[in-house]
C-alpha atoms as a PDB file:
ATOM      1  CA  UNK A   1     233.882 122.682 342.622  1.00  0.00           C
ATOM      2  CA  UNK A   2     235.336 118.895 342.253  1.00  0.00           C
ATOM      3  CA  UNK A   3     238.083 118.208 344.356  1.00  0.00           C
ATOM      4  CA  UNK A   4     240.407 115.667 342.706  1.00  0.00           C
ATOM      5  CA  UNK A   5     242.395 113.407 344.602  1.00  0.00           C
ATOM      6  CA  UNK A   6     246.271 113.705 344.641  1.00  0.00           C
ATOM      7  CA  UNK A   7     249.108 111.714 344.006  1.00  0.00           C
ATOM      8  CA  UNK A   8     247.177 108.662 342.882  1.00  0.00           C
ATOM      9  CA  UNK A   9     248.300 105.262 341.492  1.00  0.00           C
ATOM     10  CA  UNK A  10     248.147 104.673 337.864  1.00  0.00           C
ATOM     11  CA  UNK A  11     245.221 102.020 337.050  1.00  0.00           C
ATOM     12  CA  UNK A  12     245.317 100.126 340.463  1.00  0.00           C
ATOM     13  CA  UNK A  13     242.825  97.140 340.738  1.00  0.00           C
ATOM     14  CA  UNK A  14     239.337  97.742 342.276  1.00  0.00           C
ATOM     15  CA  UNK A  15     240.209  99.114 345.837  1.00  0.00           C
ATOM     16  CA  UNK A  16     243.770  98.992 345.451  1.00  0.00           C
ATOM     17  CA  UNK A  17     243.804  95.784 346.359  1.00  0.00           C
ATOM     18  CA  UNK A  18     246.521  93.032 345.994  1.00  0.00           C
ATOM     19  CA  UNK A  19     246.594  89.915 344.104  1.00  0.00           C
ATOM     20  CA  UNK A  20     248.141  86.588 344.067  1.00  0.00           C
ATOM     21  CA  UNK A  21     247.629  82.875 343.434  1.00  0.00           C
ATOM     22  CA  UNK A  22     249.219  80.414 345.985  1.00  0.00           C
ATOM     23  CA  UNK A  23     249.401  76.502 345.625  1.00  0.00           C
ATOM     24  CA  UNK A  24     249.734  75.361 349.448  1.00  0.00           C
ATOM     25  CA  UNK A  25     252.909  73.979 350.569  1.00  0.00           C
ATOM     26  CA  UNK A  26     253.273  70.147 350.874  1.00  0.00           C
ATOM     27  CA  UNK A  27     255.947  70.268 353.437  1.00  0.00           C
ATOM     28  CA  UNK A  28     255.167  68.528 356.585  1.00  0.00           C
ATOM     29  CA  UNK A  29     255.664  70.314 359.894  1.00  0.00           C
ATOM     30  CA  UNK A  30     256.464  69.416 363.125  1.00  0.00           C
ATOM     31  CA  UNK A  31     252.902  68.375 364.294  1.00  0.00           C
ATOM     32  CA  UNK A  32     252.601  65.910 360.933  1.00  0.00           C
ATOM     33  CA  UNK A  33     250.325  68.889 359.278  1.00  0.00           C
ATOM     34  CA  UNK A  34     251.096  70.048 355.636  1.00  0.00           C
ATOM     35  CA  UNK A  35     251.174  73.765 355.292  1.00  0.00           C
ATOM     36  CA  UNK A  36     252.541  77.143 355.535  1.00  0.00           C
ATOM     37  CA  UNK A  37     254.092  79.668 357.358  1.00  0.00           C
ATOM     38  CA  UNK A  38     251.962  81.118 360.398  1.00  0.00           C
ATOM     39  CA  UNK A  39     251.981  84.789 360.544  1.00  0.00           C
ATOM     40  CA  UNK A  40     249.562  87.932 361.167  1.00  0.00           C
ATOM     41  CA  UNK A  41     249.056  91.136 359.129  1.00  0.00           C
ATOM     42  CA  UNK A  42     248.850  94.440 361.275  1.00  0.00           C
ATOM     43  CA  UNK A  43     246.462  96.433 359.247  1.00  0.00           C
ATOM     44  CA  UNK A  44     245.397  94.267 356.551  1.00  0.00           C
ATOM     45  CA  UNK A  45     242.367  92.087 356.013  1.00  0.00           C
ATOM     46  CA  UNK A  46     243.199  89.000 353.468  1.00  0.00           C
ATOM     47  CA  UNK A  47     240.759  86.793 351.734  1.00  0.00           C
ATOM     48  CA  UNK A  48     241.181  83.415 350.241  1.00  0.00           C
ATOM     49  CA  UNK A  49     239.079  82.773 347.435  1.00  0.00           C
ATOM     50  CA  UNK A  50     239.587  78.815 346.909  1.00  0.00           C
ATOM     51  CA  UNK A  51     239.801  77.552 343.363  1.00  0.00           C
ATOM     52  CA  UNK A  52     240.981  74.145 343.826  1.00  0.00           C
ATOM     53  CA  UNK A  53     241.532  71.289 345.941  1.00  0.00           C
ATOM     54  CA  UNK A  54     240.966  70.991 349.565  1.00  0.00           C
ATOM     55  CA  UNK A  55     242.484  71.964 353.123  1.00  0.00           C
ATOM     56  CA  UNK A  56     241.731  74.432 355.735  1.00  0.00           C
ATOM     57  CA  UNK A  57     242.822  77.597 357.467  1.00  0.00           C
ATOM     58  CA  UNK A  58     244.025  77.592 361.203  1.00  0.00           C
ATOM     59  CA  UNK A  59     243.363  80.878 362.838  1.00  0.00           C
ATOM     60  CA  UNK A  60     243.919  82.214 366.486  1.00  0.00           C
ATOM     61  CA  UNK A  61     242.213  85.137 367.614  1.00  0.00           C
ATOM     62  CA  UNK A  62     240.972  86.563 370.819  1.00  0.00           C
ATOM     63  CA  UNK A  63     237.716  84.373 370.073  1.00  0.00           C
ATOM     64  CA  UNK A  64     240.337  81.021 370.349  1.00  0.00           C
ATOM     65  CA  UNK A  65     241.376  78.641 367.985  1.00  0.00           C
ATOM     66  CA  UNK A  66     239.554  77.760 364.833  1.00  0.00           C
ATOM     67  CA  UNK A  67     239.929  75.438 361.510  1.00  0.00           C
ATOM     68  CA  UNK A  68     237.792  76.465 358.750  1.00  0.00           C
ATOM     69  CA  UNK A  69     237.457  74.027 356.034  1.00  0.00           C
ATOM     70  CA  UNK A  70     238.749  75.145 352.131  1.00  0.00           C
ATOM     71  CA  UNK A  71     237.119  73.719 349.378  1.00  0.00           C
ATOM     72  CA  UNK A  72     236.424  75.033 345.697  1.00  0.00           C
ATOM     73  CA  UNK A  73     234.053  78.032 345.699  1.00  0.00           C
ATOM     74  CA  UNK A  74     234.743  78.984 349.505  1.00  0.00           C
ATOM     75  CA  UNK A  75     235.789  82.002 350.870  1.00  0.00           C
ATOM     76  CA  UNK A  76     237.456  82.879 354.249  1.00  0.00           C
ATOM     77  CA  UNK A  77     238.979  86.078 355.328  1.00  0.00           C
ATOM     78  CA  UNK A  78     240.991  87.413 358.292  1.00  0.00           C
ATOM     79  CA  UNK A  79     241.132  90.926 360.168  1.00  0.00           C
ATOM     80  CA  UNK A  80     244.082  92.129 361.142  1.00  0.00           C
ATOM     81  CA  UNK A  81     245.590  90.530 364.175  1.00  0.00           C
ATOM     82  CA  UNK A  82     244.513  87.156 363.617  1.00  0.00           C
ATOM     83  CA  UNK A  83     247.075  84.561 363.454  1.00  0.00           C
ATOM     84  CA  UNK A  84     246.264  82.225 360.609  1.00  0.00           C
ATOM     85  CA  UNK A  85     247.978  78.945 359.027  1.00  0.00           C
ATOM     86  CA  UNK A  86     246.993  77.524 355.729  1.00  0.00           C
ATOM     87  CA  UNK A  87     246.869  73.612 355.858  1.00  0.00           C
ATOM     88  CA  UNK A  88     247.397  71.294 352.722  1.00  0.00           C
ATOM     89  CA  UNK A  89     244.504  68.786 352.155  1.00  0.00           C
ATOM     90  CA  UNK A  90     245.312  67.835 348.735  1.00  0.00           C
ATOM     91  CA  UNK A  91     246.260  70.047 345.585  1.00  0.00           C
ATOM     92  CA  UNK A  92     244.811  73.210 347.480  1.00  0.00           C
ATOM     93  CA  UNK A  93     245.147  76.530 345.208  1.00  0.00           C
ATOM     94  CA  UNK A  94     243.913  79.914 346.429  1.00  0.00           C
ATOM     95  CA  UNK A  95     243.840  83.272 344.673  1.00  0.00           C
ATOM     96  CA  UNK A  96     244.332  85.771 347.689  1.00  0.00           C
ATOM     97  CA  UNK A  97     242.764  88.880 347.623  1.00  0.00           C
ATOM     98  CA  UNK A  98     244.657  91.646 349.740  1.00  0.00           C
ATOM     99  CA  UNK A  99     244.012  94.784 351.718  1.00  0.00           C
ATOM    100  CA  UNK A 100     246.155  97.987 351.098  1.00  0.00           C
ATOM    101  CA  UNK A 101     248.041  96.848 347.987  1.00  0.00           C
ATOM    102  CA  UNK A 102     251.727  97.302 348.862  1.00  0.00           C
ATOM    103  CA  UNK A 103     251.958  97.280 352.785  1.00  0.00           C
ATOM    104  CA  UNK A 104     251.850  93.611 352.958  1.00  0.00           C
ATOM    105  CA  UNK A 105     254.667  93.283 350.783  1.00  0.00           C
ATOM    106  CA  UNK A 106     256.587  96.060 352.488  1.00  0.00           C
ATOM    107  CA  UNK A 107     256.664  94.208 355.931  1.00  0.00           C
ATOM    108  CA  UNK A 108     252.818  94.089 357.033  1.00  0.00           C
ATOM    109  CA  UNK A 109     252.999  90.359 357.832  1.00  0.00           C
ATOM    110  CA  UNK A 110     254.933  89.235 360.916  1.00  0.00           C
ATOM    111  CA  UNK A 111     255.604  85.449 361.436  1.00  0.00           C
ATOM    112  CA  UNK A 112     254.815  83.693 364.446  1.00  0.00           C
ATOM    113  CA  UNK A 113     258.616  83.074 365.334  1.00  0.00           C
ATOM    114  CA  UNK A 114     259.372  82.222 368.930  1.00  0.00           C
ATOM    115  CA  UNK A 115     259.539  85.274 371.658  1.00  0.00           C
ATOM    116  CA  UNK A 116     263.388  85.126 372.025  1.00  0.00           C
ATOM    117  CA  UNK A 117     263.479  85.488 367.592  1.00  0.00           C
ATOM    118  CA  UNK A 118     260.619  88.518 367.714  1.00  0.00           C
ATOM    119  CA  UNK A 119     262.916  90.223 370.745  1.00  0.00           C
ATOM    120  CA  UNK A 120     265.777  90.641 368.290  1.00  0.00           C
ATOM    121  CA  UNK A 121     264.768  92.552 365.113  1.00  0.00           C
ATOM    122  CA  UNK A 122     268.028  91.573 363.471  1.00  0.00           C
ATOM    123  CA  UNK A 123     267.227  87.723 364.356  1.00  0.00           C
ATOM    124  CA  UNK A 124     264.184  88.117 363.003  1.00  0.00           C
ATOM    125  CA  UNK A 125     264.975  89.781 359.736  1.00  0.00           C
ATOM    126  CA  UNK A 126     267.553  86.963 359.327  1.00  0.00           C
ATOM    127  CA  UNK A 127     265.051  84.383 360.193  1.00  0.00           C
ATOM    128  CA  UNK A 128     262.146  85.786 357.628  1.00  0.00           C
ATOM    129  CA  UNK A 129     264.317  86.592 354.685  1.00  0.00           C
ATOM    130  CA  UNK A 130     264.784  84.533 351.828  1.00  0.00           C
ATOM    131  CA  UNK A 131     267.415  84.520 349.027  1.00  0.00           C
ATOM    132  CA  UNK A 132     266.806  85.426 345.850  1.00  0.00           C
ATOM    133  CA  UNK A 133     265.481  82.987 342.972  1.00  0.00           C
ATOM    134  CA  UNK A 134     263.205  80.207 343.293  1.00  0.00           C
ATOM    135  CA  UNK A 135     265.604  77.298 343.168  1.00  0.00           C
ATOM    136  CA  UNK A 136     266.826  74.917 345.906  1.00  0.00           C
ATOM    137  CA  UNK A 137     268.567  77.452 348.309  1.00  0.00           C
ATOM    138  CA  UNK A 138     265.359  79.330 348.629  1.00  0.00           C
ATOM    139  CA  UNK A 139     263.076  76.290 348.947  1.00  0.00           C
ATOM    140  CA  UNK A 140     265.627  75.345 352.052  1.00  0.00           C
ATOM    141  CA  UNK A 141     265.294  78.916 353.085  1.00  0.00           C
ATOM    142  CA  UNK A 142     261.389  78.783 352.851  1.00  0.00           C
ATOM    143  CA  UNK A 143     261.230  75.415 354.869  1.00  0.00           C
ATOM    144  CA  UNK A 144     263.318  76.308 357.881  1.00  0.00           C
ATOM    145  CA  UNK A 145     261.245  79.671 357.805  1.00  0.00           C
ATOM    146  CA  UNK A 146     258.317  77.800 357.891  1.00  0.00           C
ATOM    147  CA  UNK A 147     259.073  75.192 360.528  1.00  0.00           C
ATOM    148  CA  UNK A 148     260.376  77.973 363.038  1.00  0.00           C
ATOM    149  CA  UNK A 149     257.166  79.899 362.518  1.00  0.00           C
ATOM    150  CA  UNK A 150     255.260  76.696 363.310  1.00  0.00           C
ATOM    151  CA  UNK A 151     257.202  76.146 366.340  1.00  0.00           C
ATOM    152  CA  UNK A 152     256.312  79.372 367.496  1.00  0.00           C
ATOM    153  CA  UNK A 153     252.401  78.824 366.622  1.00  0.00           C
ATOM    154  CA  UNK A 154     252.146  75.486 368.331  1.00  0.00           C
ATOM    155  CA  UNK A 155     253.064  76.986 371.629  1.00  0.00           C
ATOM    156  CA  UNK A 156     250.760  79.746 371.013  1.00  0.00           C
ATOM    157  CA  UNK A 157     247.824  77.628 370.106  1.00  0.00           C
ATOM    158  CA  UNK A 158     248.517  75.273 372.893  1.00  0.00           C
ATOM    159  CA  UNK A 159     248.269  77.951 375.503  1.00  0.00           C
ATOM    160  CA  UNK A 160     245.147  79.724 373.846  1.00  0.00           C
ATOM    161  CA  UNK A 161     243.393  76.580 373.772  1.00  0.00           C
ATOM    162  CA  UNK A 162     244.117  76.162 377.340  1.00  0.00           C
ATOM    163  CA  UNK A 163     242.439  79.396 378.295  1.00  0.00           C
ATOM    164  CA  UNK A 164     245.652  81.545 378.469  1.00  0.00           C
ATOM    165  CA  UNK A 165     245.339  84.727 376.144  1.00  0.00           C
ATOM    166  CA  UNK A 166     248.495  86.278 377.633  1.00  0.00           C
ATOM    167  CA  UNK A 167     250.991  84.669 375.324  1.00  0.00           C
ATOM    168  CA  UNK A 168     249.281  85.684 372.074  1.00  0.00           C
ATOM    169  CA  UNK A 169     248.567  89.170 373.111  1.00  0.00           C
ATOM    170  CA  UNK A 170     251.970  89.346 373.818  1.00  0.00           C
ATOM    171  CA  UNK A 171     252.976  88.111 370.456  1.00  0.00           C
ATOM    172  CA  UNK A 172     250.685  90.915 368.997  1.00  0.00           C
ATOM    173  CA  UNK A 173     252.588  93.606 370.854  1.00  0.00           C
ATOM    174  CA  UNK A 174     255.937  92.218 369.808  1.00  0.00           C
ATOM    175  CA  UNK A 175     254.643  92.272 366.122  1.00  0.00           C
ATOM    176  CA  UNK A 176     253.776  95.792 366.476  1.00  0.00           C
ATOM    177  CA  UNK A 177     256.901  96.874 367.941  1.00  0.00           C
ATOM    178  CA  UNK A 178     258.831  95.253 365.242  1.00  0.00           C
ATOM    179  CA  UNK A 179     257.158  97.085 362.331  1.00  0.00           C
ATOM    180  CA  UNK A 180     256.935 100.524 364.134  1.00  0.00           C
ATOM    181  CA  UNK A 181     259.281 102.100 361.968  1.00  0.00           C
ATOM    182  CA  UNK A 182     257.661 101.242 358.720  1.00  0.00           C
ATOM    183  CA  UNK A 183     254.550 102.917 359.701  1.00  0.00           C
ATOM    184  CA  UNK A 184     255.667 106.290 357.646  1.00  0.00           C
ATOM    185  CA  UNK A 185     256.237 104.362 354.647  1.00  0.00           C
ATOM    186  CA  UNK A 186     253.211 102.444 354.769  1.00  0.00           C
ATOM    187  CA  UNK A 187     251.164 105.519 355.252  1.00  0.00           C
ATOM    188  CA  UNK A 188     252.434 106.544 351.935  1.00  0.00           C
ATOM    189  CA  UNK A 189     251.391 103.635 350.125  1.00  0.00           C
ATOM    190  CA  UNK A 190     247.861 103.767 351.798  1.00  0.00           C
ATOM    191  CA  UNK A 191     247.490 107.407 350.797  1.00  0.00           C
ATOM    192  CA  UNK A 192     248.728 106.931 347.089  1.00  0.00           C
ATOM    193  CA  UNK A 193     246.317 103.574 346.928  1.00  0.00           C
ATOM    194  CA  UNK A 194     243.643 102.626 349.379  1.00  0.00           C
ATOM    195  CA  UNK A 195     242.519 105.858 350.271  1.00  0.00           C
ATOM    196  CA  UNK A 196     243.151 107.684 347.099  1.00  0.00           C
ATOM    197  CA  UNK A 197     240.900 104.936 345.531  1.00  0.00           C
ATOM    198  CA  UNK A 198     238.425 105.729 347.836  1.00  0.00           C
ATOM    199  CA  UNK A 199     238.411 109.694 347.490  1.00  0.00           C
ATOM    200  CA  UNK A 200     238.509 108.921 343.727  1.00  0.00           C
ATOM    201  CA  UNK A 201     234.758 107.564 344.190  1.00  0.00           C
ATOM    202  CA  UNK A 202     233.756 110.628 346.246  1.00  0.00           C
ATOM    203  CA  UNK A 203     235.063 112.802 343.528  1.00  0.00           C
ATOM    204  CA  UNK A 204     233.233 110.779 340.984  1.00  0.00           C
ATOM    205  CA  UNK A 205     230.141 111.119 342.941  1.00  0.00           C
ATOM    206  CA  UNK A 206     230.377 114.694 343.458  1.00  0.00           C
ATOM    207  CA  UNK A 207     230.744 115.074 339.873  1.00  0.00           C
ATOM    208  CA  UNK A 208     227.889 113.226 339.200  1.00  0.00           C
ATOM    209  CA  UNK A 209     225.691 115.348 341.426  1.00  0.00           C
ATOM    210  CA  UNK A 210     226.788 118.500 340.106  1.00  0.00           C
ATOM    211  CA  UNK A 211     225.588 116.996 336.353  1.00  0.00           C
ATOM    212  CA  UNK A 212     229.380 117.058 335.203  1.00  0.00           C
ATOM    213  CA  UNK A 213     230.539 113.437 334.238  1.00  0.00           C
ATOM    214  CA  UNK A 214     233.380 114.722 332.161  1.00  0.00           C
ATOM    215  CA  UNK A 215     235.704 111.532 334.295  1.00  0.00           C
ATOM    216  CA  UNK A 216     233.916 108.931 331.865  1.00  0.00           C
ATOM    217  CA  UNK A 217     235.951 110.135 329.095  1.00  0.00           C
ATOM    218  CA  UNK A 218     238.539 108.460 330.599  1.00  0.00           C
ATOM    219  CA  UNK A 219     237.294 105.218 330.729  1.00  0.00           C
ATOM    220  CA  UNK A 220     239.122 102.351 329.220  1.00  0.00           C
ATOM    221  CA  UNK A 221     240.075  98.857 329.855  1.00  0.00           C
ATOM    222  CA  UNK A 222     243.362  97.102 331.561  1.00  0.00           C
ATOM    223  CA  UNK A 223     244.967  93.710 331.532  1.00  0.00           C
ATOM    224  CA  UNK A 224     247.867  92.215 333.242  1.00  0.00           C
ATOM    225  CA  UNK A 225     249.757  88.880 333.603  1.00  0.00           C
ATOM    226  CA  UNK A 226     251.670  87.035 336.541  1.00  0.00           C
ATOM    227  CA  UNK A 227     255.448  88.626 336.366  1.00  0.00           C
ATOM    228  CA  UNK A 228     256.893  85.723 338.633  1.00  0.00           C
ATOM    229  CA  UNK A 229     255.441  82.418 338.815  1.00  0.00           C
ATOM    230  CA  UNK A 230     256.065  79.530 341.601  1.00  0.00           C
ATOM    231  CA  UNK A 231     257.878  82.135 344.270  1.00  0.00           C
ATOM    232  CA  UNK A 232     258.280  80.962 347.584  1.00  0.00           C
ATOM    233  CA  UNK A 233     255.384  82.734 349.386  1.00  0.00           C
ATOM    234  CA  UNK A 234     254.247  82.330 353.344  1.00  0.00           C
ATOM    235  CA  UNK A 235     252.025  80.046 352.846  1.00  0.00           C
ATOM    236  CA  UNK A 236     252.878  78.373 349.465  1.00  0.00           C
ATOM    237  CA  UNK A 237     254.390  78.557 345.490  1.00  0.00           C
ATOM    238  CA  UNK A 238     252.977  82.017 344.927  1.00  0.00           C
ATOM    239  CA  UNK A 239     252.018  83.605 341.542  1.00  0.00           C
ATOM    240  CA  UNK A 240     252.850  87.316 341.730  1.00  0.00           C
ATOM    241  CA  UNK A 241     251.902  90.272 339.901  1.00  0.00           C
ATOM    242  CA  UNK A 242     253.600  93.732 339.422  1.00  0.00           C
ATOM    243  CA  UNK A 243     250.675  95.908 340.176  1.00  0.00           C
ATOM    244  CA  UNK A 244     250.793  99.982 340.959  1.00  0.00           C
ATOM    245  CA  UNK A 245     251.764 100.226 344.407  1.00  0.00           C
ATOM    246  CA  UNK A 246     252.920  96.457 344.592  1.00  0.00           C
ATOM    247  CA  UNK A 247     256.257  95.866 346.162  1.00  0.00           C
ATOM    248  CA  UNK A 248     256.975  92.564 345.323  1.00  0.00           C
ATOM    249  CA  UNK A 249     258.752  90.738 348.161  1.00  0.00           C
ATOM    250  CA  UNK A 250     261.914  90.096 345.678  1.00  0.00           C
ATOM    251  CA  UNK A 251     262.146  94.002 345.101  1.00  0.00           C
ATOM    252  CA  UNK A 252     264.379  94.548 348.029  1.00  0.00           C
ATOM    253  CA  UNK A 253     262.001  96.265 350.159  1.00  0.00           C
END
């Protein structure tokens, strides 16, 4: 008897991952560095595959502060809880692979805003949310959001480098408090996406072991293309794909 997974998404990418392309922001921040908005993810690992240009990703984690160089062909990834900041070095372009497609777009990412903003969910939402579109108003809001995240990030980095991990740990706890009410929705997305993809592989292995590879009769190919170009993401201008399970940032969720 082969048990088929239930409530699966139609035709997700392998492993139900998310996909986007980024051109890193070239806006100069308060510390003279050009780049994106520092943030962390609560349950998703993120990977950068560098396709052009030069730059770096700065990270904060329990093992301290790091700056990882980025150049064509290099790959870097960060586990949940790692604060990361993309830094522009010259025409930096990246393909982003994101675990648990749908969760990051549904609020899994939390910016490194100052503590007083993180403590107030309404103030946080106002600072984190951008107006729709890709025009001047959205750009100005994205720059304000980036600058506020850098303000909090620089304070966290300073204390962490000095050997005091307390503020960093408190930021992680504040981030967890902000997203707690969203967890039931995330669980639904995970079950229909990443978990269902893993269970589908298990069902296929069961079928092969039983000598019943009938699922191979469903083999086919799919294609897609970006559904929005040049959106304002956390780290840069973002080309997005409307893939199964993904709630795009401008979709209202």
